[in-house]
Each structure stands twice: as structure tokens, then as C-alpha cells.
Amino acid sequence: MLKRIFILVVVTILNSVNIGAQNSTIEYAKKITISDGLAHNGVSSILEDSKGFLWIGTYHGINKYDGIKLTTYKNTLI
């Protein structure tokens, strides 16, 4: 019985303390859609390169986002 109470107290303390892996919050978020120039709304991958460009892989091509505009690269051999 004492062991159960101890576990309950420890779990309650851990739940009240913020032990998350990240303490920062997102400061700015922008939704990018096909109306902004995205090749397709079906995004399969996102990568940020060493220069800060976001590379967005979609079902119809790859997009490079520089923070202002999107550049689309599509396979023209299909």
C-alpha cells in the first residue's frame, strides 16, 4: 500500500513539472498552399538546407522556399 502511494506521489509531481524536451515555442508560422505556388498540396517531405532554404517535396514536384517566394521544379519527362 505504501509503495502505491509513493508511486502516485511521484507521478503527480512529475506531471506538474515541465520536463519537455523543448522549451521554445514557434514564433512564426506560415501556411503555404497551391495558391502560393506550391506544386501540390500533398507534401511528402520537408528539408531545410545549410543556407536556410526550405525544400518541400510534393507529389508533383519539388519546391524551394526562400522565405518570400516559391520556386517549383517539376519532372518534364513524364
PDB file of N, CA and C in Angstrom:
ATOM      1  N   MET A   1       0.819  -1.195   0.000  1.00  0.00           N
ATOM      2  CA  MET A   1       0.000   0.000   0.000  1.00  0.00           C
ATOM      3  C   MET A   1       0.863   1.260   0.000  1.00  0.00           C
ATOM      4  N   LEU A   2       1.907   1.236   0.815  1.00  0.00           N
ATOM      5  CA  LEU A   2       2.804   2.383   0.887  1.00  0.00           C
ATOM      6  C   LEU A   2       3.522   2.607  -0.445  1.00  0.00           C
ATOM      7  N   LYS A   3       3.847   1.511  -1.129  1.00  0.00           N
ATOM      8  CA  LYS A   3       4.517   1.598  -2.426  1.00  0.00           C
ATOM      9  C   LYS A   3       3.606   2.267  -3.453  1.00  0.00           C
ATOM     10  N   ARG A   4       2.320   1.942  -3.446  1.00  0.00           N
ATOM     11  CA  ARG A   4       1.359   2.552  -4.382  1.00  0.00           C
ATOM     12  C   ARG A   4       1.210   4.046  -4.115  1.00  0.00           C
ATOM     13  N   ILE A   5       1.165   4.432  -2.872  1.00  0.00           N
ATOM     14  CA  ILE A   5       1.058   5.857  -2.531  1.00  0.00           C
ATOM     15  C   ILE A   5       2.309   6.594  -2.978  1.00  0.00           C
ATOM     16  N   PHE A   6       3.472   5.993  -2.784  1.00  0.00           N
ATOM     17  CA  PHE A   6       4.725   6.610  -3.219  1.00  0.00           C
ATOM     18  C   PHE A   6       4.736   6.808  -4.731  1.00  0.00           C
ATOM     19  N   ILE A   7       4.320   5.802  -5.477  1.00  0.00           N
ATOM     20  CA  ILE A   7       4.273   5.909  -6.937  1.00  0.00           C
ATOM     21  C   ILE A   7       3.287   6.990  -7.355  1.00  0.00           C
ATOM     22  N   LEU A   8       2.154   7.064  -6.712  1.00  0.00           N
ATOM     23  CA  LEU A   8       1.151   8.081  -7.020  1.00  0.00           C
ATOM     24  C   LEU A   8       1.704   9.485  -6.772  1.00  0.00           C
ATOM     25  N   VAL A   9       2.425   9.678  -5.687  1.00  0.00           N
ATOM     26  CA  VAL A   9       3.014  10.980  -5.370  1.00  0.00           C
ATOM     27  C   VAL A   9       4.077  11.344  -6.401  1.00  0.00           C
ATOM     28  N   VAL A  10       4.925  10.400  -6.781  1.00  0.00           N
ATOM     29  CA  VAL A  10       5.978  10.662  -7.767  1.00  0.00           C
ATOM     30  C   VAL A  10       5.373  11.013  -9.127  1.00  0.00           C
ATOM     31  N   VAL A  11       4.366  10.270  -9.550  1.00  0.00           N
ATOM     32  CA  VAL A  11       3.716  10.550 -10.836  1.00  0.00           C
ATOM     33  C   VAL A  11       3.054  11.921 -10.808  1.00  0.00           C
ATOM     34  N   THR A  12       2.419  12.276  -9.704  1.00  0.00           N
ATOM     35  CA  THR A  12       1.782  13.590  -9.580  1.00  0.00           C
ATOM     36  C   THR A  12       2.814  14.707  -9.653  1.00  0.00           C
ATOM     37  N   ILE A  13       3.943  14.534  -9.016  1.00  0.00           N
ATOM     38  CA  ILE A  13       4.999  15.552  -9.061  1.00  0.00           C
ATOM     39  C   ILE A  13       5.560  15.677 -10.470  1.00  0.00           C
ATOM     40  N   LEU A  14       5.807  14.560 -11.139  1.00  0.00           N
ATOM     41  CA  LEU A  14       6.352  14.596 -12.494  1.00  0.00           C
ATOM     42  C   LEU A  14       5.380  15.228 -13.482  1.00  0.00           C
ATOM     43  N   ASN A  15       4.096  15.014 -13.286  1.00  0.00           N
ATOM     44  CA  ASN A  15       3.109  15.626 -14.169  1.00  0.00           C
ATOM     45  C   ASN A  15       3.008  17.130 -13.959  1.00  0.00           C
ATOM     46  N   SER A  16       3.329  17.602 -12.775  1.00  0.00           N
ATOM     47  CA  SER A  16       3.224  19.035 -12.503  1.00  0.00           C
ATOM     48  C   SER A  16       4.481  19.797 -12.944  1.00  0.00           C
ATOM     49  N   VAL A  17       5.578  19.088 -13.138  1.00  0.00           N
ATOM     50  CA  VAL A  17       6.828  19.717 -13.553  1.00  0.00           C
ATOM     51  C   VAL A  17       6.946  19.605 -15.063  1.00  0.00           C
ATOM     52  N   ASN A  18       7.337  20.693 -15.716  1.00  0.00           N
ATOM     53  CA  ASN A  18       7.528  20.685 -17.160  1.00  0.00           C
ATOM     54  C   ASN A  18       8.865  20.021 -17.473  1.00  0.00           C
ATOM     55  N   ILE A  19       8.812  18.783 -17.937  1.00  0.00           N
ATOM     56  CA  ILE A  19      10.041  18.062 -18.268  1.00  0.00           C
ATOM     57  C   ILE A  19      10.114  17.804 -19.768  1.00  0.00           C
ATOM     58  N   GLY A  20       9.550  18.685 -20.565  1.00  0.00           N
ATOM     59  CA  GLY A  20       9.549  18.518 -22.010  1.00  0.00           C
ATOM     60  C   GLY A  20      10.934  18.654 -22.602  1.00  0.00           C
ATOM     61  N   ALA A  21      11.111  18.090 -23.768  1.00  0.00           N
ATOM     62  CA  ALA A  21      12.404  18.125 -24.443  1.00  0.00           C
ATOM     63  C   ALA A  21      12.684  19.507 -25.024  1.00  0.00           C
ATOM     64  N   GLN A  22      11.639  20.244 -25.348  1.00  0.00           N
ATOM     65  CA  GLN A  22      11.812  21.555 -25.951  1.00  0.00           C
ATOM     66  C   GLN A  22      11.107  22.597 -25.099  1.00  0.00           C
ATOM     67  N   ASN A  23      11.802  23.667 -24.811  1.00  0.00           N
ATOM     68  CA  ASN A  23      11.216  24.750 -24.043  1.00  0.00           C
ATOM     69  C   ASN A  23      10.839  25.940 -24.901  1.00  0.00           C
ATOM     70  N   SER A  24      11.267  25.956 -26.159  1.00  0.00           N
ATOM     71  CA  SER A  24      10.967  27.086 -27.028  1.00  0.00           C
ATOM     72  C   SER A  24       9.634  26.889 -27.734  1.00  0.00           C
ATOM     73  N   THR A  25       9.061  27.988 -28.182  1.00  0.00           N
ATOM     74  CA  THR A  25       7.816  27.942 -28.918  1.00  0.00           C
ATOM     75  C   THR A  25       8.046  28.467 -30.326  1.00  0.00           C
ATOM     76  N   ILE A  26       7.153  28.107 -31.222  1.00  0.00           N
ATOM     77  CA  ILE A  26       7.238  28.614 -32.588  1.00  0.00           C
ATOM     78  C   ILE A  26       6.810  30.074 -32.581  1.00  0.00           C
ATOM     79  N   GLU A  27       7.677  30.923 -33.105  1.00  0.00           N
ATOM     80  CA  GLU A  27       7.372  32.349 -33.103  1.00  0.00           C
ATOM     81  C   GLU A  27       6.570  32.774 -34.322  1.00  0.00           C
ATOM     82  N   TYR A  28       6.785  32.093 -35.451  1.00  0.00           N
ATOM     83  CA  TYR A  28       6.106  32.492 -36.681  1.00  0.00           C
ATOM     84  C   TYR A  28       5.825  31.250 -37.509  1.00  0.00           C
ATOM     85  N   ALA A  29       4.641  31.143 -38.027  1.00  0.00           N
ATOM     86  CA  ALA A  29       4.277  30.028 -38.887  1.00  0.00           C
ATOM     87  C   ALA A  29       3.465  30.564 -40.058  1.00  0.00           C
ATOM     88  N   LYS A  30       3.739  30.033 -41.236  1.00  0.00           N
ATOM     89  CA  LYS A  30       3.010  30.449 -42.427  1.00  0.00           C
ATOM     90  C   LYS A  30       2.516  29.206 -43.144  1.00  0.00           C
ATOM     91  N   LYS A  31       1.272  29.218 -43.536  1.00  0.00           N
ATOM     92  CA  LYS A  31       0.706  28.121 -44.299  1.00  0.00           C
ATOM     93  C   LYS A  31       0.944  28.401 -45.779  1.00  0.00           C
ATOM     94  N   ILE A  32       1.572  27.446 -46.464  1.00  0.00           N
ATOM     95  CA  ILE A  32       1.854  27.577 -47.889  1.00  0.00           C
ATOM     96  C   ILE A  32       0.979  26.585 -48.631  1.00  0.00           C
ATOM     97  N   THR A  33       0.230  27.073 -49.624  1.00  0.00           N
ATOM     98  CA  THR A  33      -0.682  26.222 -50.384  1.00  0.00           C
ATOM     99  C   THR A  33      -0.393  26.351 -51.873  1.00  0.00           C
ATOM    100  N   ILE A  34      -1.207  25.675 -52.674  1.00  0.00           N
ATOM    101  CA  ILE A  34      -1.023  25.754 -54.119  1.00  0.00           C
ATOM    102  C   ILE A  34      -1.317  27.160 -54.645  1.00  0.00           C
ATOM    103  N   SER A  35      -2.116  27.921 -53.937  1.00  0.00           N
ATOM    104  CA  SER A  35      -2.374  29.297 -54.363  1.00  0.00           C
ATOM    105  C   SER A  35      -1.137  30.178 -54.188  1.00  0.00           C
ATOM    106  N   ASP A  36      -0.193  29.752 -53.353  1.00  0.00           N
ATOM    107  CA  ASP A  36       1.074  30.460 -53.193  1.00  0.00           C
ATOM    108  C   ASP A  36       2.128  29.989 -54.195  1.00  0.00           C
ATOM    109  N   GLY A  37       1.814  28.926 -54.957  1.00  0.00           N
ATOM    110  CA  GLY A  37       2.755  28.404 -55.931  1.00  0.00           C
ATOM    111  C   GLY A  37       3.291  27.020 -55.625  1.00  0.00           C
ATOM    112  N   LEU A  38       2.789  26.396 -54.570  1.00  0.00           N
ATOM    113  CA  LEU A  38       3.214  25.042 -54.230  1.00  0.00           C
ATOM    114  C   LEU A  38       2.768  24.088 -55.335  1.00  0.00           C
ATOM    115  N   ALA A  39       3.627  23.136 -55.712  1.00  0.00           N
ATOM    116  CA  ALA A  39       3.331  22.239 -56.825  1.00  0.00           C
ATOM    117  C   ALA A  39       2.111  21.363 -56.558  1.00  0.00           C
ATOM    118  N   HIS A  40       1.901  20.968 -55.312  1.00  0.00           N
ATOM    119  CA  HIS A  40       0.768  20.113 -54.937  1.00  0.00           C
ATOM    120  C   HIS A  40       0.585  20.224 -53.431  1.00  0.00           C
ATOM    121  N   ASN A  41      -0.650  20.113 -52.958  1.00  0.00           N
ATOM    122  CA  ASN A  41      -0.896  20.178 -51.514  1.00  0.00           C
ATOM    123  C   ASN A  41      -0.469  18.906 -50.784  1.00  0.00           C
ATOM    124  N   GLY A  42      -0.223  17.829 -51.509  1.00  0.00           N
ATOM    125  CA  GLY A  42       0.231  16.583 -50.899  1.00  0.00           C
ATOM    126  C   GLY A  42       1.729  16.634 -50.655  1.00  0.00           C
ATOM    127  N   VAL A  43       2.130  17.083 -49.492  1.00  0.00           N
ATOM    128  CA  VAL A  43       3.549  17.227 -49.156  1.00  0.00           C
ATOM    129  C   VAL A  43       4.047  15.913 -48.567  1.00  0.00           C
ATOM    130  N   SER A  44       5.170  15.414 -49.116  1.00  0.00           N
ATOM    131  CA  SER A  44       5.725  14.151 -48.632  1.00  0.00           C
ATOM    132  C   SER A  44       6.978  14.354 -47.793  1.00  0.00           C
ATOM    133  N   SER A  45       7.661  15.495 -47.956  1.00  0.00           N
ATOM    134  CA  SER A  45       8.869  15.728 -47.158  1.00  0.00           C
ATOM    135  C   SER A  45       9.209  17.213 -47.138  1.00  0.00           C
ATOM    136  N   ILE A  46       9.907  17.616 -46.070  1.00  0.00           N
ATOM    137  CA  ILE A  46      10.386  18.994 -45.921  1.00  0.00           C
ATOM    138  C   ILE A  46      11.801  18.932 -45.381  1.00  0.00           C
ATOM    139  N   LEU A  47      12.695  19.746 -45.959  1.00  0.00           N
ATOM    140  CA  LEU A  47      14.087  19.786 -45.528  1.00  0.00           C
ATOM    141  C   LEU A  47      14.561  21.232 -45.533  1.00  0.00           C
ATOM    142  N   GLU A  48      15.312  21.616 -44.514  1.00  0.00           N
ATOM    143  CA  GLU A  48      15.952  22.932 -44.501  1.00  0.00           C
ATOM    144  C   GLU A  48      17.437  22.722 -44.752  1.00  0.00           C
ATOM    145  N   ASP A  49      17.972  23.391 -45.792  1.00  0.00           N
ATOM    146  CA  ASP A  49      19.388  23.211 -46.106  1.00  0.00           C
ATOM    147  C   ASP A  49      20.248  24.179 -45.302  1.00  0.00           C
ATOM    148  N   SER A  50      21.561  24.116 -45.517  1.00  0.00           N
ATOM    149  CA  SER A  50      22.504  24.921 -44.728  1.00  0.00           C
ATOM    150  C   SER A  50      22.388  26.419 -45.013  1.00  0.00           C
ATOM    151  N   LYS A  51      21.773  26.798 -46.128  1.00  0.00           N
ATOM    152  CA  LYS A  51      21.587  28.212 -46.458  1.00  0.00           C
ATOM    153  C   LYS A  51      20.259  28.763 -45.966  1.00  0.00           C
ATOM    154  N   GLY A  52      19.432  27.912 -45.363  1.00  0.00           N
ATOM    155  CA  GLY A  52      18.156  28.359 -44.820  1.00  0.00           C
ATOM    156  C   GLY A  52      16.981  28.172 -45.752  1.00  0.00           C
ATOM    157  N   PHE A  53      17.198  27.629 -46.951  1.00  0.00           N
ATOM    158  CA  PHE A  53      16.095  27.378 -47.874  1.00  0.00           C
ATOM    159  C   PHE A  53      15.303  26.164 -47.405  1.00  0.00           C
ATOM    160  N   LEU A  54      13.988  26.232 -47.535  1.00  0.00           N
ATOM    161  CA  LEU A  54      13.129  25.086 -47.261  1.00  0.00           C
ATOM    162  C   LEU A  54      12.849  24.380 -48.575  1.00  0.00           C
ATOM    163  N   TRP A  55      13.136  23.104 -48.629  1.00  0.00           N
ATOM    164  CA  TRP A  55      12.851  22.269 -49.785  1.00  0.00           C
ATOM    165  C   TRP A  55      11.641  21.423 -49.433  1.00  0.00           C
ATOM    166  N   ILE A  56      10.580  21.559 -50.240  1.00  0.00           N
ATOM    167  CA  ILE A  56       9.316  20.891 -49.963  1.00  0.00           C
ATOM    168  C   ILE A  56       9.043  19.905 -51.092  1.00  0.00           C
ATOM    169  N   GLY A  57       9.041  18.624 -50.750  1.00  0.00           N
ATOM    170  CA  GLY A  57       8.750  17.589 -51.732  1.00  0.00           C
ATOM    171  C   GLY A  57       7.263  17.307 -51.772  1.00  0.00           C
ATOM    172  N   THR A  58       6.669  17.391 -52.961  1.00  0.00           N
ATOM    173  CA  THR A  58       5.247  17.107 -53.138  1.00  0.00           C
ATOM    174  C   THR A  58       5.086  15.992 -54.164  1.00  0.00           C
ATOM    175  N   TYR A  59       3.846  15.591 -54.410  1.00  0.00           N
ATOM    176  CA  TYR A  59       3.574  14.530 -55.372  1.00  0.00           C
ATOM    177  C   TYR A  59       3.773  14.994 -56.815  1.00  0.00           C
ATOM    178  N   HIS A  60       3.852  16.286 -57.050  1.00  0.00           N
ATOM    179  CA  HIS A  60       4.009  16.794 -58.415  1.00  0.00           C
ATOM    180  C   HIS A  60       5.304  17.564 -58.631  1.00  0.00           C
ATOM    181  N   GLY A  61       6.212  17.552 -57.687  1.00  0.00           N
ATOM    182  CA  GLY A  61       7.483  18.235 -57.877  1.00  0.00           C
ATOM    183  C   GLY A  61       8.109  18.650 -56.562  1.00  0.00           C
ATOM    184  N   ILE A  62       9.227  19.373 -56.698  1.00  0.00           N
ATOM    185  CA  ILE A  62       9.962  19.879 -55.540  1.00  0.00           C
ATOM    186  C   ILE A  62       9.898  21.399 -55.567  1.00  0.00           C
ATOM    187  N   ASN A  63       9.708  21.993 -54.395  1.00  0.00           N
ATOM    188  CA  ASN A  63       9.641  23.444 -54.279  1.00  0.00           C
ATOM    189  C   ASN A  63      10.750  23.932 -53.360  1.00  0.00           C
ATOM    190  N   LYS A  64      11.337  25.076 -53.731  1.00  0.00           N
ATOM    191  CA  LYS A  64      12.323  25.728 -52.874  1.00  0.00           C
ATOM    192  C   LYS A  64      11.692  27.013 -52.364  1.00  0.00           C
ATOM    193  N   TYR A  65      11.643  27.161 -51.051  1.00  0.00           N
ATOM    194  CA  TYR A  65      11.047  28.345 -50.435  1.00  0.00           C
ATOM    195  C   TYR A  65      12.148  29.126 -49.741  1.00  0.00           C
ATOM    196  N   ASP A  66      12.304  30.398 -50.135  1.00  0.00           N
ATOM    197  CA  ASP A  66      13.362  31.234 -49.565  1.00  0.00           C
ATOM    198  C   ASP A  66      12.855  32.193 -48.498  1.00  0.00           C
ATOM    199  N   GLY A  67      11.612  32.035 -48.088  1.00  0.00           N
ATOM    200  CA  GLY A  67      11.022  32.914 -47.098  1.00  0.00           C
ATOM    201  C   GLY A  67      10.128  33.964 -47.722  1.00  0.00           C
ATOM    202  N   ILE A  68      10.269  34.148 -49.036  1.00  0.00           N
ATOM    203  CA  ILE A  68       9.457  35.127 -49.753  1.00  0.00           C
ATOM    204  C   ILE A  68       8.695  34.474 -50.899  1.00  0.00           C
ATOM    205  N   LYS A  69       9.420  33.713 -51.725  1.00  0.00           N
ATOM    206  CA  LYS A  69       8.775  33.120 -52.893  1.00  0.00           C
ATOM    207  C   LYS A  69       9.118  31.643 -53.025  1.00  0.00           C
ATOM    208  N   LEU A  70       8.281  30.964 -53.780  1.00  0.00           N
ATOM    209  CA  LEU A  70       8.469  29.543 -54.069  1.00  0.00           C
ATOM    210  C   LEU A  70       8.993  29.377 -55.485  1.00  0.00           C
ATOM    211  N   THR A  71       9.969  28.510 -55.648  1.00  0.00           N
ATOM    212  CA  THR A  71      10.447  28.114 -56.963  1.00  0.00           C
ATOM    213  C   THR A  71      10.116  26.641 -57.110  1.00  0.00           C
ATOM    214  N   THR A  72       9.439  26.294 -58.215  1.00  0.00           N
ATOM    215  CA  THR A  72       8.973  24.935 -58.428  1.00  0.00           C
ATOM    216  C   THR A  72       9.845  24.237 -59.449  1.00  0.00           C
ATOM    217  N   TYR A  73      10.222  23.003 -59.123  1.00  0.00           N
ATOM    218  CA  TYR A  73      10.984  22.139 -60.028  1.00  0.00           C
ATOM    219  C   TYR A  73      10.150  20.891 -60.280  1.00  0.00           C
ATOM    220  N   LYS A  74       9.760  20.697 -61.562  1.00  0.00           N
ATOM    221  CA  LYS A  74       8.939  19.541 -61.921  1.00  0.00           C
ATOM    222  C   LYS A  74       9.687  18.681 -62.924  1.00  0.00           C
ATOM    223  N   ASN A  75       9.375  17.399 -62.918  1.00  0.00           N
ATOM    224  CA  ASN A  75       9.921  16.475 -63.900  1.00  0.00           C
ATOM    225  C   ASN A  75       9.159  16.654 -65.195  1.00  0.00           C
ATOM    226  N   THR A  76       9.836  17.093 -66.236  1.00  0.00           N
ATOM    227  CA  THR A  76       9.160  17.349 -67.514  1.00  0.00           C
ATOM    228  C   THR A  76       9.214  16.139 -68.443  1.00  0.00           C
ATOM    229  N   LEU A  77       9.810  15.033 -68.003  1.00  0.00           N
ATOM    230  CA  LEU A  77       9.942  13.849 -68.846  1.00  0.00           C
ATOM    231  C   LEU A  77       8.713  12.956 -68.777  1.00  0.00           C
ATOM    232  N   ILE A  78       7.798  13.243 -67.891  1.00  0.00           N
ATOM    233  CA  ILE A  78       6.600  12.402 -67.739  1.00  0.00           C
ATOM    234  C   ILE A  78       5.599  12.721 -68.811  1.00  0.00           C
TER     235      ILE A  78
END
